[in-house]
Amino acid sequence: MSLKIYPIKYGELDMDASGLVLFRDPGRTVTIPIMGFLILGGEEPVLVDTGPRSAEEVNALGYPYRVREEDALDYHLAQHGLKRSDIRHVVHTHGHLDHAGGSFQFPMTTQVSITRQEMQFMASGIMGPGMYTAADTKHFIDRLHTRGALRLFDVDGSFEEEVIPGVVVQLSGGHTPGSISVLVETDEGIANICGDIAYDLNDQIISPAFEQAAHEPHITGNRAMTTLEEKRAIKRALAKSRFLLPGHDVPALVERGKIVGLAPNAISNPAFDVTKAVNYTPLVRQIDVETLV
């Protein structure tokens, strides 16, 4: 069995730079991709995250969001000879509107999955309607009351739950209480679809400008957990992954707990294999000039 992962982009969102990376350039607007991931080659196709319900819903909340024709889910699936009815498993890293809104596109016969912690948090209203919308929350509750339409993971950090052979979920925390990593066995190691434990790989992990300690990741500006919990989630992902696939940045190659390469051409590219280290562009690291003196 050789599982493959294809990062797909549902659209692009404009946000304040400091909302993505805490303290970074307040007032400057940055554009990020809204990502999903298609896992193929296994027992059944698996889709991780579905993007927002609609551009209109996101824009109404004050987040500028743009969708092109080639960003549509059906377009992405067609690149692999698939249609929505072929997707048997939809897994959500967490329930925010930009990750779980598109689940309504799938019939109740499709199994949609989320952690029980995240479902509880979604319904609690603690983060307000800008993160967990009324329409998305109601849809998940409807699934909860339809036989077989919803699966609730109860991972607590001590064990994993299998989706299909070679694909398991693990509690990551960090971003929200029920955030998970989807871990995929590949020929070259574990690929970690890690959701929003980090938004910006460069400014949070590769070259964190606001940190002094070595190997210290910087936190986001949008999270429901503590600073320590978010840092632990990032470090855990780096420690256990060969490939790191975040929800709003390009795929990364990891070696001994450090990001050593990036794949900027992988997004929405059905010909790109993110499970092969040779396909990643190595990072060019600055050499401390003092060591050369």
Protein backbone atom coordinates (compact mmCIF):
# COMPACT_ATOMS: atom_id res chain seq x y z
CA MET A 1 0.00 0.00 0.00
CA SER A 2 1.41 3.36 -1.05
CA LEU A 3 -0.66 6.26 0.22
CA LYS A 4 -0.42 9.61 -1.54
CA ILE A 5 -1.54 13.05 -0.36
CA TYR A 6 -2.62 15.93 -2.57
CA PRO A 7 -2.89 19.43 -1.04
CA ILE A 8 -5.82 21.32 -2.56
CA LYS A 9 -6.67 25.00 -2.24
CA TYR A 10 -10.28 26.09 -1.72
CA GLY A 11 -9.57 29.82 -1.91
CA GLU A 12 -7.49 32.66 -0.47
CA LEU A 13 -8.16 34.68 2.68
CA ASP A 14 -6.83 38.09 3.72
CA MET A 15 -5.90 38.51 7.39
CA ASP A 16 -3.93 40.87 9.59
CA ALA A 17 -0.34 39.69 9.89
CA SER A 18 -0.46 39.82 13.69
CA GLY A 19 -3.53 37.57 13.73
CA LEU A 20 -1.50 34.80 12.16
CA VAL A 21 1.79 35.36 13.99
CA LEU A 22 1.44 37.11 17.34
CA PHE A 23 3.00 40.64 17.43
CA ARG A 24 4.07 40.52 13.76
CA ASP A 25 3.44 43.75 11.80
CA PRO A 26 0.00 44.78 13.13
CA GLY A 27 -2.04 46.45 10.40
CA ARG A 28 -0.31 44.70 7.51
CA THR A 29 -2.55 42.43 5.43
CA VAL A 30 -1.30 39.03 4.33
CA THR A 31 -2.97 36.46 2.08
CA ILE A 32 -3.13 32.79 3.03
CA PRO A 33 -4.45 29.72 1.21
CA ILE A 34 -7.37 27.76 2.66
CA MET A 35 -6.29 24.15 2.35
CA GLY A 36 -7.73 20.66 2.21
CA PHE A 37 -5.96 17.35 1.61
CA LEU A 38 -6.97 14.39 -0.49
CA ILE A 39 -5.54 11.02 0.59
CA LEU A 40 -5.54 8.38 -2.15
CA GLY A 41 -4.12 4.92 -2.70
CA GLY A 42 -5.72 3.37 0.35
CA GLU A 43 -8.81 1.34 1.11
CA GLU A 44 -11.06 4.33 0.33
CA PRO A 45 -10.45 8.00 -0.56
CA VAL A 46 -10.21 10.33 2.43
CA LEU A 47 -10.73 14.11 2.36
CA VAL A 48 -9.24 16.14 5.19
CA ASP A 49 -11.02 19.49 5.72
CA THR A 50 -13.56 20.98 3.34
CA GLY A 51 -12.98 24.74 3.38
CA PRO A 52 -15.67 27.36 4.08
CA ARG A 53 -19.37 26.97 3.35
CA SER A 54 -19.23 29.85 0.84
CA ALA A 55 -17.27 32.98 0.02
CA GLU A 56 -20.34 35.06 0.87
CA GLU A 57 -20.46 33.69 4.40
CA VAL A 58 -16.78 34.41 5.03
CA ASN A 59 -16.96 37.91 3.53
CA ALA A 60 -20.04 38.71 5.63
CA LEU A 61 -17.94 38.11 8.75
CA GLY A 62 -15.39 40.69 7.58
CA TYR A 63 -12.76 38.32 6.21
CA PRO A 64 -11.96 39.06 2.52
CA TYR A 65 -12.11 35.68 0.78
CA ARG A 66 -11.70 34.86 -2.91
CA VAL A 67 -12.55 31.67 -4.77
CA ARG A 68 -11.64 30.86 -8.37
CA GLU A 69 -13.34 28.27 -10.55
CA GLU A 70 -10.36 25.95 -10.18
CA ASP A 71 -10.63 26.16 -6.39
CA ALA A 72 -13.94 24.28 -6.34
CA LEU A 73 -13.96 20.88 -4.64
CA ASP A 74 -15.51 19.20 -7.69
CA TYR A 75 -12.74 20.58 -9.89
CA HIS A 76 -10.06 19.16 -7.57
CA LEU A 77 -11.72 15.77 -7.38
CA ALA A 78 -12.06 15.61 -11.16
CA GLN A 79 -8.28 15.97 -11.51
CA HIS A 80 -8.07 12.54 -9.88
CA GLY A 81 -11.03 10.99 -11.68
CA LEU A 82 -13.27 11.30 -8.62
CA LYS A 83 -16.58 12.87 -7.69
CA ARG A 84 -18.09 13.69 -4.30
CA SER A 85 -19.92 10.37 -4.05
CA ASP A 86 -16.53 8.58 -4.17
CA ILE A 87 -15.44 10.20 -0.89
CA ARG A 88 -16.40 7.88 1.96
CA HIS A 89 -14.55 9.67 4.77
CA VAL A 90 -14.34 13.39 5.51
CA VAL A 91 -12.08 14.18 8.47
CA HIS A 92 -11.83 17.60 10.09
CA THR A 93 -8.71 18.79 11.86
CA HIS A 94 -11.03 21.14 13.78
CA GLY A 95 -14.38 22.86 13.36
CA HIS A 96 -13.53 26.46 12.39
CA LEU A 97 -15.50 27.86 9.45
CA ASP A 98 -12.54 27.70 7.04
CA HIS A 99 -11.99 23.99 7.72
CA ALA A 100 -15.42 22.46 8.30
CA GLY A 101 -17.89 24.70 6.45
CA GLY A 102 -17.95 22.65 3.25
CA SER A 103 -19.19 19.43 4.86
CA PHE A 104 -22.76 20.32 3.95
CA GLN A 105 -21.82 19.47 0.33
CA PHE A 106 -21.72 15.79 1.26
CA PRO A 107 -24.83 13.67 1.81
CA MET A 108 -25.63 12.11 5.18
CA THR A 109 -24.41 8.80 3.74
CA THR A 110 -20.84 10.18 3.78
CA GLN A 111 -19.14 9.71 7.15
CA VAL A 112 -17.89 13.05 8.50
CA SER A 113 -15.52 12.94 11.47
CA ILE A 114 -14.48 15.36 14.19
CA THR A 115 -13.39 14.99 17.81
CA ARG A 116 -16.00 15.00 20.54
CA GLN A 117 -14.03 17.76 22.31
CA GLU A 118 -14.25 19.92 19.20
CA MET A 119 -17.98 19.27 18.82
CA GLN A 120 -18.53 20.35 22.42
CA PHE A 121 -16.37 23.44 21.95
CA MET A 122 -18.16 24.34 18.73
CA ALA A 123 -21.57 24.23 20.42
CA SER A 124 -20.40 26.14 23.50
CA GLY A 125 -20.16 29.48 21.67
CA ILE A 126 -16.95 30.38 23.50
CA MET A 127 -15.13 31.64 20.37
CA GLY A 128 -18.16 33.42 18.94
CA PRO A 129 -19.82 33.17 15.50
CA GLY A 130 -16.72 34.24 13.60
CA MET A 131 -14.97 30.90 14.14
CA TYR A 132 -17.83 28.41 14.58
CA THR A 133 -20.77 29.64 12.54
CA ALA A 134 -24.42 28.92 13.30
CA ALA A 135 -24.93 27.11 9.98
CA ASP A 136 -21.90 24.87 10.45
CA THR A 137 -22.77 24.07 14.06
CA LYS A 138 -26.35 23.17 13.13
CA HIS A 139 -25.13 20.97 10.28
CA PHE A 140 -22.91 18.96 12.60
CA ILE A 141 -25.72 18.58 15.11
CA ASP A 142 -27.98 17.33 12.30
CA ARG A 143 -25.31 14.78 11.43
CA LEU A 144 -25.08 13.77 15.08
CA HIS A 145 -28.77 12.85 14.98
CA THR A 146 -28.55 10.97 11.66
CA ARG A 147 -27.39 7.36 11.91
CA GLY A 148 -23.88 6.90 10.52
CA ALA A 149 -23.46 10.49 9.32
CA LEU A 150 -21.01 11.60 12.03
CA ARG A 151 -18.07 9.94 13.73
CA LEU A 152 -16.76 11.38 17.00
CA PHE A 153 -13.12 10.71 17.80
CA ASP A 154 -12.30 10.43 21.50
CA VAL A 155 -8.52 10.67 21.20
CA ASP A 156 -7.03 12.21 24.33
CA GLY A 157 -3.33 12.07 23.53
CA SER A 158 -2.81 8.55 24.86
CA PHE A 159 -4.01 6.66 21.77
CA GLU A 160 -4.90 7.07 18.10
CA GLU A 161 -8.00 6.14 16.09
CA GLU A 162 -7.85 4.64 12.61
CA VAL A 163 -9.74 6.10 9.67
CA ILE A 164 -8.53 3.58 7.08
CA PRO A 165 -5.42 1.36 7.21
CA GLY A 166 -2.41 3.68 7.16
CA VAL A 167 -4.36 6.77 8.28
CA VAL A 168 -4.92 7.57 11.95
CA VAL A 169 -5.85 10.65 13.94
CA GLN A 170 -4.08 11.92 17.03
CA LEU A 171 -5.04 14.73 19.39
CA SER A 172 -2.75 17.69 18.76
CA GLY A 173 -4.46 20.45 20.75
CA GLY A 174 -2.62 23.75 20.55
CA HIS A 175 -5.12 25.56 18.35
CA THR A 176 -8.42 24.37 19.84
CA PRO A 177 -9.18 21.72 22.49
CA GLY A 178 -10.25 19.17 19.90
CA SER A 179 -7.72 19.86 17.15
CA ILE A 180 -6.22 16.73 15.63
CA SER A 181 -3.37 15.72 13.39
CA VAL A 182 -4.15 13.26 10.61
CA LEU A 183 -1.13 10.96 10.39
CA VAL A 184 -0.54 9.18 7.09
CA GLU A 185 1.93 6.33 6.64
CA THR A 186 4.04 6.91 3.54
CA ASP A 187 7.01 5.07 2.06
CA GLU A 188 9.37 7.69 3.56
CA GLY A 189 7.77 8.32 6.94
CA ILE A 190 4.78 9.93 8.60
CA ALA A 191 3.02 12.79 6.84
CA ASN A 192 1.27 14.97 9.40
CA ILE A 193 -1.76 16.95 8.22
CA CYS A 194 -1.60 19.25 11.21
CA GLY A 195 -4.40 21.80 10.79
CA ASP A 196 -3.72 25.18 12.39
CA ILE A 197 -1.12 24.44 15.05
CA ALA A 198 0.99 26.86 12.97
CA TYR A 199 -0.05 29.34 10.29
CA ASP A 200 3.29 30.59 8.98
CA LEU A 201 6.14 28.08 8.90
CA ASN A 202 8.88 30.65 8.32
CA ASP A 203 7.96 33.23 10.95
CA GLN A 204 6.86 30.71 13.57
CA ILE A 205 9.27 27.79 13.15
CA ILE A 206 12.07 28.28 10.62
CA SER A 207 13.07 31.80 11.67
CA PRO A 208 10.91 32.92 14.63
CA ALA A 209 11.81 36.59 15.03
CA PHE A 210 10.29 37.02 18.49
CA GLU A 211 12.03 34.12 20.25
CA GLN A 212 15.44 33.99 21.93
CA ALA A 213 15.66 30.35 23.05
CA ALA A 214 16.93 27.75 20.58
CA HIS A 215 14.37 25.45 18.93
CA GLU A 216 11.57 27.68 20.25
CA PRO A 217 8.54 28.09 17.97
CA HIS A 218 6.51 31.29 18.03
CA ILE A 219 2.77 31.24 18.64
CA THR A 220 -0.14 32.36 16.48
CA GLY A 221 -2.49 35.25 17.18
CA ASN A 222 -5.60 33.08 16.86
CA ARG A 223 -5.93 30.20 19.29
CA ALA A 224 -8.13 28.94 22.10
CA MET A 225 -5.34 27.24 24.05
CA THR A 226 -2.45 28.45 26.18
CA THR A 227 0.92 29.54 24.84
CA LEU A 228 2.58 26.44 26.29
CA GLU A 229 -0.03 24.11 24.80
CA GLU A 230 0.47 25.62 21.35
CA LYS A 231 4.26 25.39 21.58
CA ARG A 232 4.01 21.76 22.68
CA ALA A 233 1.70 20.97 19.77
CA ILE A 234 4.21 22.40 17.29
CA LYS A 235 7.17 20.61 18.89
CA ARG A 236 5.27 17.30 19.01
CA ALA A 237 4.44 17.56 15.31
CA LEU A 238 8.05 18.30 14.39
CA ALA A 239 9.34 15.45 16.56
CA LYS A 240 7.14 12.77 14.99
CA SER A 241 6.77 13.81 11.35
CA ARG A 242 8.75 13.47 8.14
CA PHE A 243 6.35 15.68 6.20
CA LEU A 244 4.38 18.54 7.79
CA LEU A 245 1.24 19.67 5.95
CA PRO A 246 -0.30 22.78 7.55
CA GLY A 247 -3.72 24.21 6.80
CA HIS A 248 -2.52 27.61 5.52
CA ASP A 249 1.04 27.21 4.25
CA VAL A 250 3.07 25.03 1.91
CA PRO A 251 4.13 21.45 2.75
CA ALA A 252 7.39 21.08 4.66
CA LEU A 253 10.09 18.44 4.90
CA VAL A 254 11.24 17.67 8.45
CA GLU A 255 14.51 16.17 9.58
CA ARG A 256 15.48 15.59 13.23
CA GLY A 257 12.80 18.00 14.43
CA LYS A 258 13.67 20.82 12.04
CA ILE A 259 12.12 22.01 8.79
CA VAL A 260 14.75 21.50 6.09
CA GLY A 261 12.73 21.93 2.91
CA LEU A 262 9.53 23.38 1.46
CA ALA A 263 7.27 22.47 -1.47
CA PRO A 264 5.81 25.76 -2.80
CA ASN A 265 4.65 24.10 -6.04
CA ALA A 266 2.66 21.33 -4.36
CA ILE A 267 -0.62 23.14 -3.75
CA SER A 268 -3.41 22.12 -6.15
CA ASN A 269 -0.89 20.27 -8.27
CA PRO A 270 -2.08 16.68 -8.90
CA ALA A 271 1.30 15.80 -10.42
CA PHE A 272 3.30 16.72 -7.29
CA ASP A 273 4.17 13.97 -4.80
CA VAL A 274 4.50 15.47 -1.30
CA THR A 275 5.48 12.07 0.11
CA LYS A 276 8.91 12.12 -1.60
CA ALA A 277 11.70 14.08 0.10
CA VAL A 278 13.51 14.60 -3.20
CA ASN A 279 10.67 16.83 -4.41
CA TYR A 280 11.22 19.45 -1.69
CA THR A 281 13.35 22.55 -2.17
CA PRO A 282 16.08 22.62 0.51
CA LEU A 283 16.17 25.65 2.77
CA VAL A 284 19.07 28.03 2.37
CA ARG A 285 20.13 28.81 5.94
CA GLN A 286 22.19 31.84 6.82
CA ILE A 287 25.62 31.04 8.20
CA ASP A 288 26.61 33.05 11.24
CA VAL A 289 29.48 35.18 9.94
CA GLU A 290 31.16 35.02 13.35
CA THR A 291 31.79 31.30 12.83
CA LEU A 292 33.79 32.13 9.71
CA VAL A 293 36.14 34.54 11.44
